[in-house]
C-alpha atoms as a PDB file:
ATOM      1  CA  MET A   1     -12.912  46.168 -82.383  1.00  0.00           C
ATOM      2  CA  ALA A   2      -9.615  47.795 -83.735  1.00  0.00           C
ATOM      3  CA  GLU A   3      -6.945  48.804 -81.173  1.00  0.00           C
ATOM      4  CA  ALA A   4      -6.662  52.536 -80.431  1.00  0.00           C
ATOM      5  CA  MET A   5      -3.629  54.360 -81.467  1.00  0.00           C
ATOM      6  CA  VAL A   6      -2.425  57.811 -80.378  1.00  0.00           C
ATOM      7  CA  PHE A   7       0.094  59.841 -82.287  1.00  0.00           C
ATOM      8  CA  LEU A   8       1.727  62.800 -80.240  1.00  0.00           C
ATOM      9  CA  GLY A   9       4.549  63.651 -82.803  1.00  0.00           C
ATOM     10  CA  LYS A  10       7.666  62.446 -84.120  1.00  0.00           C
ATOM     11  CA  ASP A  11       9.475  61.759 -80.711  1.00  0.00           C
ATOM     12  CA  THR A  12       6.632  60.495 -78.906  1.00  0.00           C
ATOM     13  CA  SER A  13       6.129  56.700 -78.068  1.00  0.00           C
ATOM     14  CA  ILE A  14       3.103  54.863 -79.035  1.00  0.00           C
ATOM     15  CA  ILE A  15       1.407  53.268 -76.009  1.00  0.00           C
ATOM     16  CA  LYS A  16      -0.775  50.243 -76.546  1.00  0.00           C
ATOM     17  CA  PRO A  17      -3.176  48.972 -74.131  1.00  0.00           C
ATOM     18  CA  PRO A  18      -1.998  45.497 -72.573  1.00  0.00           C
ATOM     19  CA  LYS A  19      -3.430  42.369 -74.125  1.00  0.00           C
ATOM     20  CA  LYS A  20      -6.127  40.427 -72.104  1.00  0.00           C
ATOM     21  CA  SER A  21      -3.812  37.416 -71.761  1.00  0.00           C
ATOM     22  CA  SER A  22      -1.176  39.535 -69.909  1.00  0.00           C
ATOM     23  CA  ARG A  23      -3.878  40.789 -67.477  1.00  0.00           C
ATOM     24  CA  LEU A  24      -4.920  37.252 -66.715  1.00  0.00           C
ATOM     25  CA  LEU A  25      -1.378  36.032 -66.023  1.00  0.00           C
ATOM     26  CA  TYR A  26      -0.732  38.838 -63.552  1.00  0.00           C
ATOM     27  CA  ARG A  27      -4.030  38.105 -61.737  1.00  0.00           C
ATOM     28  CA  THR A  28      -3.227  34.378 -61.568  1.00  0.00           C
ATOM     29  CA  ILE A  29       0.148  35.087 -60.071  1.00  0.00           C
ATOM     30  CA  VAL A  30      -1.320  37.267 -57.422  1.00  0.00           C
ATOM     31  CA  LEU A  31      -4.052  34.778 -56.673  1.00  0.00           C
ATOM     32  CA  LEU A  32      -1.528  31.780 -56.150  1.00  0.00           C
ATOM     33  CA  PHE A  33       0.715  34.177 -53.911  1.00  0.00           C
ATOM     34  CA  ALA A  34      -2.363  34.829 -51.740  1.00  0.00           C
ATOM     35  CA  VAL A  35      -3.343  31.217 -51.615  1.00  0.00           C
ATOM     36  CA  MET A  36       0.162  30.264 -50.510  1.00  0.00           C
ATOM     37  CA  CYS A  37       0.310  32.799 -47.804  1.00  0.00           C
ATOM     38  CA  GLY A  38      -2.893  31.717 -46.559  1.00  0.00           C
ATOM     39  CA  LEU A  39      -1.867  28.071 -46.437  1.00  0.00           C
ATOM     40  CA  TYR A  40       1.237  28.952 -44.656  1.00  0.00           C
ATOM     41  CA  ILE A  41      -0.642  31.124 -41.975  1.00  0.00           C
ATOM     42  CA  CYS A  42      -3.151  28.307 -41.452  1.00  0.00           C
ATOM     43  CA  SER A  43      -0.443  25.622 -40.963  1.00  0.00           C
ATOM     44  CA  ILE A  44       1.187  27.739 -38.322  1.00  0.00           C
ATOM     45  CA  CYS A  45      -2.312  28.193 -36.453  1.00  0.00           C
ATOM     46  CA  ILE A  46      -2.934  24.509 -36.571  1.00  0.00           C
ATOM     47  CA  ARG A  47       0.381  23.620 -35.072  1.00  0.00           C
ATOM     48  CA  GLN A  48      -0.130  26.036 -32.296  1.00  0.00           C
ATOM     49  CA  ILE A  49      -3.587  24.748 -31.492  1.00  0.00           C
ATOM     50  CA  SER A  50      -2.287  21.118 -31.532  1.00  0.00           C
ATOM     51  CA  TYR A  51       0.599  22.027 -29.111  1.00  0.00           C
ATOM     52  CA  GLN A  52      -1.590  23.800 -26.621  1.00  0.00           C
ATOM     53  CA  SER A  53      -4.115  20.885 -26.796  1.00  0.00           C
ATOM     54  CA  LYS A  54      -1.359  18.390 -26.073  1.00  0.00           C
ATOM     55  CA  THR A  55       0.041  20.438 -23.291  1.00  0.00           C
ATOM     56  CA  ARG A  56      -3.359  20.777 -21.618  1.00  0.00           C
ATOM     57  CA  PHE A  57      -4.022  16.958 -21.683  1.00  0.00           C
ATOM     58  CA  GLN A  58      -0.486  16.231 -20.339  1.00  0.00           C
ATOM     59  CA  ASN A  59      -1.284  18.301 -17.328  1.00  0.00           C
ATOM     60  CA  ILE A  60      -4.513  16.481 -16.264  1.00  0.00           C
ATOM     61  CA  GLN A  61      -3.953  14.245 -13.272  1.00  0.00           C
ATOM     62  CA  ILE A  62      -5.805  10.859 -13.529  1.00  0.00           C
ATOM     63  CA  ILE A  63      -7.281   9.844 -10.269  1.00  0.00           C
ATOM     64  CA  GLU A  64      -8.751   6.290  -9.669  1.00  0.00           C
ATOM     65  CA  GLY A  65      -8.395   5.816 -13.467  1.00  0.00           C
ATOM     66  CA  PRO A  66      -5.956   2.956 -14.180  1.00  0.00           C
ATOM     67  CA  CYS A  67      -4.866   1.973 -17.666  1.00  0.00           C
ATOM     68  CA  CYS A  68      -6.294  -1.380 -18.593  1.00  0.00           C
ATOM     69  CA  ASN A  69      -4.099  -4.257 -19.792  1.00  0.00           C
ATOM     70  CA  GLY A  70      -5.958  -7.076 -21.243  1.00  0.00           C
ATOM     71  CA  ASN A  71      -3.654  -9.555 -19.522  1.00  0.00           C
ATOM     72  CA  MET A  72      -4.148  -8.171 -15.976  1.00  0.00           C
ATOM     73  CA  GLU A  73      -6.587 -10.026 -13.591  1.00  0.00           C
ATOM     74  CA  GLU A  74      -9.818  -8.159 -12.798  1.00  0.00           C
ATOM     75  CA  SER A  75      -8.970  -8.181  -9.089  1.00  0.00           C
ATOM     76  CA  ASN A  76      -5.459  -6.751  -9.954  1.00  0.00           C
ATOM     77  CA  ILE A  77      -6.984  -3.800 -11.672  1.00  0.00           C
ATOM     78  CA  SER A  78      -9.625  -3.081  -9.126  1.00  0.00           C
ATOM     79  CA  SER A  79      -7.153  -2.814  -6.338  1.00  0.00           C
ATOM     80  CA  MET A  80      -5.162  -0.131  -8.059  1.00  0.00           C
ATOM     81  CA  HIS A  81      -5.348   3.382  -6.575  1.00  0.00           C
ATOM     82  CA  TYR A  82      -4.152   6.839  -7.537  1.00  0.00           C
ATOM     83  CA  PRO A  83      -4.100   8.866  -4.402  1.00  0.00           C
ATOM     84  CA  ARG A  84      -3.736  12.659  -4.424  1.00  0.00           C
ATOM     85  CA  PRO A  85      -2.448  13.720  -0.893  1.00  0.00           C
ATOM     86  CA  GLN A  86      -3.329  16.952   0.658  1.00  0.00           C
ATOM     87  CA  THR A  87      -0.089  17.346   2.387  1.00  0.00           C
ATOM     88  CA  PHE A  88       2.497  16.800  -0.458  1.00  0.00           C
ATOM     89  CA  SER A  89       2.914  16.231  -4.059  1.00  0.00           C
ATOM     90  CA  ARG A  90       3.633  12.739  -5.365  1.00  0.00           C
ATOM     91  CA  LEU A  91       5.444  14.325  -8.406  1.00  0.00           C
ATOM     92  CA  GLU A  92       6.483  12.022 -11.061  1.00  0.00           C
ATOM     93  CA  CYS A  93       4.965   9.143  -9.148  1.00  0.00           C
ATOM     94  CA  SER A  94       1.454  10.617  -9.268  1.00  0.00           C
ATOM     95  CA  HIS A  95       0.502   8.033 -12.100  1.00  0.00           C
ATOM     96  CA  ASN A  96       1.894   4.994 -10.309  1.00  0.00           C
ATOM     97  CA  PRO A  97      -0.855   2.942  -8.795  1.00  0.00           C
ATOM     98  CA  VAL A  98      -0.856   2.082  -5.035  1.00  0.00           C
ATOM     99  CA  ARG A  99      -2.230  -0.944  -3.377  1.00  0.00           C
ATOM    100  CA  PHE A 100      -4.065  -0.701   0.056  1.00  0.00           C
ATOM    101  CA  PHE A 101      -3.627  -3.428   2.746  1.00  0.00           C
ATOM    102  CA  THR A 102      -3.889  -3.942   6.417  1.00  0.00           C
ATOM    103  CA  ILE A 103      -2.368  -6.561   8.621  1.00  0.00           C
ATOM    104  CA  ILE A 104      -4.884  -7.958  11.085  1.00  0.00           C
ATOM    105  CA  SER A 105      -3.335  -9.834  13.937  1.00  0.00           C
ATOM    106  CA  MET A 106      -3.249 -10.256  17.684  1.00  0.00           C
ATOM    107  CA  GLN A 107      -0.380  -8.993  20.121  1.00  0.00           C
ATOM    108  CA  ARG A 108       2.620 -11.282  20.379  1.00  0.00           C
ATOM    109  CA  SER A 109       1.754 -13.128  17.106  1.00  0.00           C
ATOM    110  CA  GLY A 110       4.906 -12.085  15.096  1.00  0.00           C
ATOM    111  CA  SER A 111       3.239  -9.095  13.424  1.00  0.00           C
ATOM    112  CA  GLY A 112       5.991  -6.648  14.326  1.00  0.00           C
ATOM    113  CA  TRP A 113       8.737  -9.017  12.837  1.00  0.00           C
ATOM    114  CA  PHE A 114       6.445  -9.540   9.859  1.00  0.00           C
ATOM    115  CA  GLU A 115       6.151  -5.894   9.422  1.00  0.00           C
ATOM    116  CA  THR A 116       9.670  -5.172   9.355  1.00  0.00           C
ATOM    117  CA  LEU A 117       9.954  -7.714   6.600  1.00  0.00           C
ATOM    118  CA  LEU A 118       7.461  -6.000   4.562  1.00  0.00           C
ATOM    119  CA  ASN A 119       8.921  -2.558   4.994  1.00  0.00           C
ATOM    120  CA  SER A 120      12.399  -3.929   3.733  1.00  0.00           C
ATOM    121  CA  HIS A 121      10.773  -3.905   0.439  1.00  0.00           C
ATOM    122  CA  VAL A 122      11.594  -0.776  -1.483  1.00  0.00           C
ATOM    123  CA  ASN A 123       7.874  -0.099  -2.578  1.00  0.00           C
ATOM    124  CA  VAL A 124       6.096  -0.773   0.765  1.00  0.00           C
ATOM    125  CA  SER A 125       5.030   1.557   3.510  1.00  0.00           C
ATOM    126  CA  SER A 126       3.530  -0.319   6.506  1.00  0.00           C
ATOM    127  CA  ASN A 127       2.945   2.363   9.270  1.00  0.00           C
ATOM    128  CA  GLY A 128       2.824   0.287  12.343  1.00  0.00           C
ATOM    129  CA  GLU A 129       0.161  -0.254  15.042  1.00  0.00           C
ATOM    130  CA  ILE A 130      -1.667   3.156  14.452  1.00  0.00           C
ATOM    131  CA  PHE A 131      -4.793   2.363  16.387  1.00  0.00           C
ATOM    132  CA  PHE A 132      -2.607   1.744  19.422  1.00  0.00           C
ATOM    133  CA  VAL A 133      -3.566   5.367  20.428  1.00  0.00           C
ATOM    134  CA  ARG A 134      -7.126   5.189  22.058  1.00  0.00           C
ATOM    135  CA  ASP A 135      -8.252   8.497  20.452  1.00  0.00           C
ATOM    136  CA  ARG A 136      -7.909   7.226  17.044  1.00  0.00           C
ATOM    137  CA  ARG A 137     -10.471   4.334  17.733  1.00  0.00           C
ATOM    138  CA  LYS A 138     -12.689   6.049  20.194  1.00  0.00           C
ATOM    139  CA  ASN A 139     -15.650   5.817  17.724  1.00  0.00           C
ATOM    140  CA  ILE A 140     -16.141   4.734  14.178  1.00  0.00           C
ATOM    141  CA  SER A 141     -15.814   8.374  12.879  1.00  0.00           C
ATOM    142  CA  SER A 142     -12.406   8.698  14.317  1.00  0.00           C
ATOM    143  CA  ILE A 143     -11.458   5.193  12.966  1.00  0.00           C
ATOM    144  CA  ILE A 144     -12.645   6.230   9.362  1.00  0.00           C
ATOM    145  CA  GLN A 145     -10.760   9.596   9.648  1.00  0.00           C
ATOM    146  CA  THR A 146      -7.561   7.724  10.600  1.00  0.00           C
ATOM    147  CA  LEU A 147      -8.016   5.141   7.729  1.00  0.00           C
ATOM    148  CA  ASP A 148      -8.582   8.013   5.229  1.00  0.00           C
ATOM    149  CA  ARG A 149      -5.406   9.734   6.273  1.00  0.00           C
ATOM    150  CA  VAL A 150      -3.363   6.475   5.786  1.00  0.00           C
ATOM    151  CA  TYR A 151      -4.793   5.476   2.318  1.00  0.00           C
ATOM    152  CA  ASN A 152      -4.744   9.054   1.130  1.00  0.00           C
ATOM    153  CA  LEU A 153      -0.932   9.013   1.864  1.00  0.00           C
ATOM    154  CA  ASP A 154      -1.275  11.821   4.462  1.00  0.00           C
ATOM    155  CA  TRP A 155      -0.030   9.623   7.257  1.00  0.00           C
ATOM    156  CA  PHE A 156       3.719   9.926   8.017  1.00  0.00           C
ATOM    157  CA  SER A 157       5.944   7.518   9.918  1.00  0.00           C
ATOM    158  CA  SER A 158       9.480   6.214   9.645  1.00  0.00           C
ATOM    159  CA  ALA A 159       8.175   3.604   7.331  1.00  0.00           C
ATOM    160  CA  SER A 160       6.560   6.087   4.932  1.00  0.00           C
ATOM    161  CA  LYS A 161       8.141   5.911   1.419  1.00  0.00           C
ATOM    162  CA  ASN A 162       5.485   8.697   0.545  1.00  0.00           C
ATOM    163  CA  GLU A 163       5.587   9.574  -3.177  1.00  0.00           C
ATOM    164  CA  CYS A 164       6.546   6.213  -4.768  1.00  0.00           C
ATOM    165  CA  SER A 165       4.942   3.682  -2.416  1.00  0.00           C
ATOM    166  CA  ALA A 166       3.418   0.833  -4.335  1.00  0.00           C
ATOM    167  CA  ALA A 167       1.546  -0.653  -1.269  1.00  0.00           C
ATOM    168  CA  VAL A 168       0.514   1.298   1.760  1.00  0.00           C
ATOM    169  CA  GLY A 169      -0.923  -0.087   5.095  1.00  0.00           C
ATOM    170  CA  PHE A 170      -0.491  -0.678   8.796  1.00  0.00           C
ATOM    171  CA  LYS A 171      -0.952  -3.273  11.598  1.00  0.00           C
ATOM    172  CA  TRP A 172      -4.459  -3.506  13.288  1.00  0.00           C
ATOM    173  CA  MET A 173      -4.834  -5.673  16.431  1.00  0.00           C
ATOM    174  CA  LEU A 174      -8.230  -7.445  16.945  1.00  0.00           C
ATOM    175  CA  ASN A 175      -8.631  -5.448  20.279  1.00  0.00           C
ATOM    176  CA  GLN A 176      -8.400  -2.128  18.666  1.00  0.00           C
ATOM    177  CA  GLY A 177     -11.975  -1.665  17.403  1.00  0.00           C
ATOM    178  CA  LEU A 178     -11.963  -4.176  14.807  1.00  0.00           C
ATOM    179  CA  MET A 179     -14.493  -6.347  16.606  1.00  0.00           C
ATOM    180  CA  GLU A 180     -16.685  -3.747  17.887  1.00  0.00           C
ATOM    181  CA  HIS A 181     -17.258  -1.826  14.648  1.00  0.00           C
ATOM    182  CA  HIS A 182     -16.784  -4.721  12.318  1.00  0.00           C
ATOM    183  CA  LYS A 183     -19.824  -4.002  10.103  1.00  0.00           C
ATOM    184  CA  GLU A 184     -18.801  -0.329   9.305  1.00  0.00           C
ATOM    185  CA  ILE A 185     -14.956  -1.427   8.971  1.00  0.00           C
ATOM    186  CA  LEU A 186     -16.034  -4.213   6.593  1.00  0.00           C
ATOM    187  CA  GLU A 187     -17.882  -1.831   4.441  1.00  0.00           C
ATOM    188  CA  TYR A 188     -15.034   0.569   4.414  1.00  0.00           C
ATOM    189  CA  LEU A 189     -12.452  -2.139   3.547  1.00  0.00           C
ATOM    190  CA  ASN A 190     -14.499  -3.461   0.609  1.00  0.00           C
ATOM    191  CA  ARG A 191     -15.271   0.017  -0.734  1.00  0.00           C
ATOM    192  CA  ARG A 192     -11.701   1.195  -0.631  1.00  0.00           C
ATOM    193  CA  ARG A 193     -10.590  -2.239  -1.960  1.00  0.00           C
ATOM    194  CA  VAL A 194      -8.223  -2.984   0.870  1.00  0.00           C
ATOM    195  CA  SER A 195      -6.447  -6.306   0.934  1.00  0.00           C
ATOM    196  CA  VAL A 196      -6.310  -7.933   4.327  1.00  0.00           C
ATOM    197  CA  VAL A 197      -3.268 -10.010   5.629  1.00  0.00           C
ATOM    198  CA  PHE A 198      -4.409 -12.056   8.408  1.00  0.00           C
ATOM    199  CA  LEU A 199      -1.431 -13.233  10.629  1.00  0.00           C
ATOM    200  CA  PHE A 200      -1.934 -15.463  13.668  1.00  0.00           C
ATOM    201  CA  ARG A 201       0.065 -18.035  15.635  1.00  0.00           C
ATOM    202  CA  ARG A 202      -0.723 -21.674  15.735  1.00  0.00           C
ATOM    203  CA  ASN A 203       0.848 -22.436  19.265  1.00  0.00           C
ATOM    204  CA  LEU A 204      -1.302 -20.257  21.548  1.00  0.00           C
ATOM    205  CA  LEU A 205       0.733 -21.450  24.409  1.00  0.00           C
ATOM    206  CA  ARG A 206       3.976 -19.859  23.062  1.00  0.00           C
ATOM    207  CA  ARG A 207       1.933 -16.593  22.456  1.00  0.00           C
ATOM    208  CA  MET A 208       0.819 -16.665  26.065  1.00  0.00           C
ATOM    209  CA  VAL A 209       4.417 -16.924  27.268  1.00  0.00           C
ATOM    210  CA  SER A 210       5.358 -13.912  24.972  1.00  0.00           C
ATOM    211  CA  VAL A 211       2.228 -11.898  26.327  1.00  0.00           C
ATOM    212  CA  LEU A 212       3.018 -12.572  30.033  1.00  0.00           C
ATOM    213  CA  ALA A 213       6.748 -11.780  29.486  1.00  0.00           C
ATOM    214  CA  ASN A 214       6.258  -8.584  27.714  1.00  0.00           C
ATOM    215  CA  SER A 215       3.631  -7.453  30.151  1.00  0.00           C
ATOM    216  CA  TYR A 216       6.251  -8.222  33.013  1.00  0.00           C
ATOM    217  CA  ASP A 217       8.941  -6.183  31.240  1.00  0.00           C
ATOM    218  CA  ARG A 218       6.845  -3.083  30.890  1.00  0.00           C
ATOM    219  CA  TYR A 219       7.417  -2.668  34.729  1.00  0.00           C
ATOM    220  CA  ALA A 220      10.609  -4.513  35.174  1.00  0.00           C
ATOM    221  CA  LYS A 221      12.335  -3.101  32.395  1.00  0.00           C
ATOM    222  CA  LEU A 222      15.175  -5.604  32.271  1.00  0.00           C
ATOM    223  CA  LEU A 223      17.126  -4.031  29.437  1.00  0.00           C
ATOM    224  CA  ASN A 224      18.940  -1.293  31.618  1.00  0.00           C
ATOM    225  CA  GLY A 225      15.772   0.299  32.640  1.00  0.00           C
ATOM    226  CA  ILE A 226      14.199   0.322  29.059  1.00  0.00           C
ATOM    227  CA  HIS A 227      11.094  -1.711  27.993  1.00  0.00           C
ATOM    228  CA  LYS A 228      11.511  -3.195  24.533  1.00  0.00           C
ATOM    229  CA  SER A 229       8.896  -5.372  22.931  1.00  0.00           C
ATOM    230  CA  HIS A 230      11.283  -6.275  20.075  1.00  0.00           C
ATOM    231  CA  VAL A 231      15.195  -6.596  20.173  1.00  0.00           C
ATOM    232  CA  HIS A 232      17.969  -6.614  17.529  1.00  0.00           C
ATOM    233  CA  SER A 233      20.714  -8.720  19.238  1.00  0.00           C
ATOM    234  CA  PRO A 234      20.969 -12.183  20.754  1.00  0.00           C
ATOM    235  CA  GLU A 235      22.207 -10.666  24.059  1.00  0.00           C
ATOM    236  CA  GLU A 236      19.033  -8.623  24.483  1.00  0.00           C
ATOM    237  CA  ALA A 237      16.943 -11.625  23.551  1.00  0.00           C
ATOM    238  CA  ASP A 238      18.605 -13.720  26.259  1.00  0.00           C
ATOM    239  CA  THR A 239      18.052 -10.936  28.808  1.00  0.00           C
ATOM    240  CA  LEU A 240      14.345 -10.807  28.294  1.00  0.00           C
ATOM    241  CA  SER A 241      13.801 -14.635  27.922  1.00  0.00           C
ATOM    242  CA  SER A 242      15.527 -15.039  31.492  1.00  0.00           C
ATOM    243  CA  TYR A 243      12.157 -14.336  32.953  1.00  0.00           C
ATOM    244  CA  LYS A 244       9.978 -17.247  32.918  1.00  0.00           C
ATOM    245  CA  PRO A 245       6.353 -16.617  33.392  1.00  0.00           C
ATOM    246  CA  THR A 246       3.865 -18.579  35.610  1.00  0.00           C
ATOM    247  CA  ILE A 247       0.849 -19.650  33.776  1.00  0.00           C
ATOM    248  CA  ASN A 248      -2.562 -20.200  35.386  1.00  0.00           C
ATOM    249  CA  SER A 249      -3.149 -23.785  34.668  1.00  0.00           C
ATOM    250  CA  THR A 250      -6.569 -23.745  36.128  1.00  0.00           C
ATOM    251  CA  SER A 251      -7.906 -21.296  33.552  1.00  0.00           C
ATOM    252  CA  LEU A 252      -5.482 -22.296  30.895  1.00  0.00           C
ATOM    253  CA  ILE A 253      -7.880 -24.336  28.665  1.00  0.00           C
ATOM    254  CA  ASP A 254     -10.634 -21.705  28.837  1.00  0.00           C
ATOM    255  CA  ASP A 255      -8.114 -18.924  28.016  1.00  0.00           C
ATOM    256  CA  LEU A 256      -7.077 -20.817  24.798  1.00  0.00           C
ATOM    257  CA  LYS A 257     -10.443 -21.380  23.794  1.00  0.00           C
ATOM    258  CA  GLU A 258     -11.136 -17.851  24.099  1.00  0.00           C
ATOM    259  CA  VAL A 259      -8.361 -16.971  21.881  1.00  0.00           C
ATOM    260  CA  GLU A 260      -9.349 -19.315  19.325  1.00  0.00           C
ATOM    261  CA  ALA A 261     -12.947 -18.099  19.309  1.00  0.00           C
ATOM    262  CA  THR A 262     -11.796 -14.546  18.898  1.00  0.00           C
ATOM    263  CA  VAL A 263      -9.686 -15.548  15.801  1.00  0.00           C
ATOM    264  CA  ALA A 264     -12.444 -17.427  14.209  1.00  0.00           C
ATOM    265  CA  LYS A 265     -14.979 -14.637  14.850  1.00  0.00           C
ATOM    266  CA  ALA A 266     -12.544 -12.211  13.142  1.00  0.00           C
ATOM    267  CA  LEU A 267     -12.195 -14.382  10.120  1.00  0.00           C
ATOM    268  CA  ALA A 268     -15.972 -14.767   9.930  1.00  0.00           C
ATOM    269  CA  PHE A 269     -16.413 -11.011  10.180  1.00  0.00           C
ATOM    270  CA  TYR A 270     -13.950 -10.215   7.379  1.00  0.00           C
ATOM    271  CA  ASN A 271     -14.307 -13.273   5.147  1.00  0.00           C
ATOM    272  CA  THR A 272     -15.847 -11.232   2.395  1.00  0.00           C
ATOM    273  CA  THR A 273     -12.588  -8.992   1.863  1.00  0.00           C
ATOM    274  CA  ARG A 274      -9.854  -9.766  -0.431  1.00  0.00           C
ATOM    275  CA  HIS A 275      -7.563 -11.632   1.979  1.00  0.00           C
ATOM    276  CA  ILE A 276      -4.840 -14.136   2.749  1.00  0.00           C
ATOM    277  CA  VAL A 277      -4.483 -16.104   6.050  1.00  0.00           C
ATOM    278  CA  LEU A 278      -0.808 -16.609   7.300  1.00  0.00           C
ATOM    279  CA  TYR A 279       0.694 -18.144  10.469  1.00  0.00           C
ATOM    280  CA  TYR A 280       3.722 -17.248  12.170  1.00  0.00           C
ATOM    281  CA  GLU A 281       5.205 -20.705  12.309  1.00  0.00           C
ATOM    282  CA  ASP A 282       4.716 -21.168   8.627  1.00  0.00           C
ATOM    283  CA  LEU A 283       6.664 -18.106   7.898  1.00  0.00           C
ATOM    284  CA  ILE A 284       9.437 -19.045  10.134  1.00  0.00           C
ATOM    285  CA  LYS A 285       9.823 -22.480   8.612  1.00  0.00           C
ATOM    286  CA  ASP A 286       9.007 -21.631   4.963  1.00  0.00           C
ATOM    287  CA  ARG A 287      10.454 -18.253   3.826  1.00  0.00           C
ATOM    288  CA  THR A 288       8.755 -18.901   0.356  1.00  0.00           C
ATOM    289  CA  LYS A 289       5.508 -17.952   2.075  1.00  0.00           C
ATOM    290  CA  LEU A 290       6.920 -14.254   1.898  1.00  0.00           C
ATOM    291  CA  LYS A 291       6.855 -14.601  -1.800  1.00  0.00           C
ATOM    292  CA  ASP A 292       3.174 -15.578  -1.689  1.00  0.00           C
ATOM    293  CA  VAL A 293       2.494 -12.364   0.316  1.00  0.00           C
ATOM    294  CA  GLN A 294       4.323 -10.084  -2.225  1.00  0.00           C
ATOM    295  CA  GLU A 295       2.435 -11.727  -5.064  1.00  0.00           C
ATOM    296  CA  PHE A 296      -0.892 -11.179  -2.994  1.00  0.00           C
ATOM    297  CA  LEU A 297      -0.032  -7.504  -2.808  1.00  0.00           C
ATOM    298  CA  TYR A 298       0.914  -7.552  -6.589  1.00  0.00           C
ATOM    299  CA  LEU A 299       4.524  -6.382  -5.575  1.00  0.00           C
ATOM    300  CA  PRO A 300       7.683  -7.162  -7.486  1.00  0.00           C
ATOM    301  CA  VAL A 301       9.214 -10.009  -5.648  1.00  0.00           C
ATOM    302  CA  MET A 302      12.233  -9.206  -3.534  1.00  0.00           C
ATOM    303  CA  GLU A 303      14.321 -10.826  -0.899  1.00  0.00           C
ATOM    304  CA  LEU A 304      12.864  -9.453   2.496  1.00  0.00           C
ATOM    305  CA  THR A 305      15.049  -9.029   5.595  1.00  0.00           C
ATOM    306  CA  SER A 306      14.508  -8.053   9.249  1.00  0.00           C
ATOM    307  CA  ARG A 307      16.844  -7.055  12.041  1.00  0.00           C
ATOM    308  CA  GLN A 308      14.664  -8.457  14.760  1.00  0.00           C
ATOM    309  CA  VAL A 309      15.915 -11.434  16.764  1.00  0.00           C
ATOM    310  CA  LYS A 310      13.395 -13.939  18.187  1.00  0.00           C
ATOM    311  CA  ILE A 311      13.189 -13.640  22.050  1.00  0.00           C
ATOM    312  CA  HIS A 312      11.784 -16.811  23.368  1.00  0.00           C
ATOM    313  CA  ARG A 313      13.922 -19.608  21.607  1.00  0.00           C
ATOM    314  CA  GLY A 314      14.308 -23.392  22.339  1.00  0.00           C
ATOM    315  CA  PRO A 315      11.871 -25.827  23.813  1.00  0.00           C
ATOM    316  CA  VAL A 316       8.742 -24.397  25.337  1.00  0.00           C
ATOM    317  CA  SER A 317       9.381 -26.334  28.471  1.00  0.00           C
ATOM    318  CA  ASP A 318      12.438 -24.071  29.230  1.00  0.00           C
ATOM    319  CA  LEU A 319      10.238 -21.015  29.031  1.00  0.00           C
ATOM    320  CA  ILE A 320       7.547 -21.507  31.693  1.00  0.00           C
ATOM    321  CA  SER A 321       8.168 -21.706  35.396  1.00  0.00           C
ATOM    322  CA  ASN A 322       5.431 -24.042  36.386  1.00  0.00           C
ATOM    323  CA  TRP A 323       5.847 -26.454  33.390  1.00  0.00           C
ATOM    324  CA  ASP A 324       4.596 -29.451  35.318  1.00  0.00           C
ATOM    325  CA  LYS A 325       1.231 -27.927  35.996  1.00  0.00           C
ATOM    326  CA  VAL A 326       0.807 -26.813  32.357  1.00  0.00           C
ATOM    327  CA  THR A 327       1.772 -30.166  31.143  1.00  0.00           C
ATOM    328  CA  LEU A 328      -0.935 -31.953  33.301  1.00  0.00           C
ATOM    329  CA  ALA A 329      -3.558 -29.321  32.317  1.00  0.00           C
ATOM    330  CA  LEU A 330      -2.875 -29.800  28.550  1.00  0.00           C
ATOM    331  CA  SER A 331      -2.144 -33.481  28.388  1.00  0.00           C
ATOM    332  CA  GLY A 332      -4.844 -35.548  26.679  1.00  0.00           C
ATOM    333  CA  THR A 333      -6.649 -32.327  25.160  1.00  0.00           C
ATOM    334  CA  VAL A 334      -6.632 -30.853  21.641  1.00  0.00           C
ATOM    335  CA  TYR A 335      -4.009 -28.413  22.819  1.00  0.00           C
ATOM    336  CA  GLU A 336      -1.569 -31.195  23.918  1.00  0.00           C
ATOM    337  CA  SER A 337       0.477 -30.534  20.566  1.00  0.00           C
ATOM    338  CA  PHE A 338       1.472 -27.064  21.987  1.00  0.00           C
ATOM    339  CA  LEU A 339       3.680 -28.786  24.569  1.00  0.00           C
ATOM    340  CA  HIS A 340       5.800 -30.396  21.924  1.00  0.00           C
ATOM    341  CA  ASP A 341       6.168 -27.563  19.420  1.00  0.00           C
ATOM    342  CA  ASP A 342       9.773 -26.207  19.472  1.00  0.00           C
ATOM    343  CA  ASP A 343       9.701 -23.468  16.870  1.00  0.00           C
END
C-alpha cells in the first residue's frame, strides 16, 4: 500500500507517518527500561527480607541445645546446659555452656578447703553448704526447689560468678537429706545430668578429732570470742589446735564402723551418677589430683589456690588427750593404721 502524502501549500511541511522499524525500536527501549527497573526493585526487596530474617534468627536464644563437635565425647556433650535465669540476664554468655556438679561429703572431711580451691578457678561457682539451713531440706519438695534455684543460676552467694560461670554447684553433707531422700535425689541428679564429686577422709580418727574440736569451739570460741570452722593464719590454727579432745575409747570401734557404713551406703545409693571419688589425704599429698577434678568437670586446667590453713597438724598422738586408751583400743584392729598416719 502506497504511503499517504498531504499537500497543504507551498510553505507547509510534508508529514510522513513513522516507519514500523522505528516504532519497534522505541517499544523495545521502553520494555528494557521497565525490566531493569523491576529487577532493581526486586533486588532491594530480597536484600531487606534477607536482613530481617538474619536478624530474627540471631535474636533466638538456644536453650539446652549445644552445638555438636564430632571430636567431643558423648558424656561431655550431654553434660552441657544453657540455663536461662529468671533473676538476671546472662548477656553475652547466654550461649556459653554450664556444667552442673555437687560435692558430696561429710563434715570435717576437707570439703571447705576443697571448695575454696574450686572457687579459685575463674569459671567455677561453688555455693557452699546450702542445705545447712533446715527449711531447705525439710521435705523433698523444698530440696528440689532449692536445687532448681542453684542450677538455674538463680542462687546468689559470695562465690557466684553468675553470667559466665562454666561450672555451678555446691557442697552437700550426707546428713542433710541425701540419705533419707536418696531415690528422688538420684532421679533428679541423673535427669539434670549433675556430676557428683565424692570427697571423704581415709583417716577417720583424724576426722573424729576435727569434729570434736570444732564442736567444742562452738561454745568455747577460742579466737577472741568468735567461732571459726576454718582459719587463714598459722596463729589461728595453733590457737584452735591447742584444745585436745578426749575420745570415747569404749565406743570408738563402733563409731568408726558406723562412719564407714554411711560412706559405703552413700556410694551405693549414687553409684549410677556420673561421679568421681576423692580422698582428702590424696589431694594433700598429690596436687595433680586437682587436675583430674578440673578435667572431670570439663574445665580449662588452672593452678588452684586456697587461703585456708590446716588446723590439726603434726602427729595424731599430739592431738588427743587420752592417747594411751585410743592406742589400746585400735591396736590389732583394721583401724590400727590410723594411729600412724601423720598427714
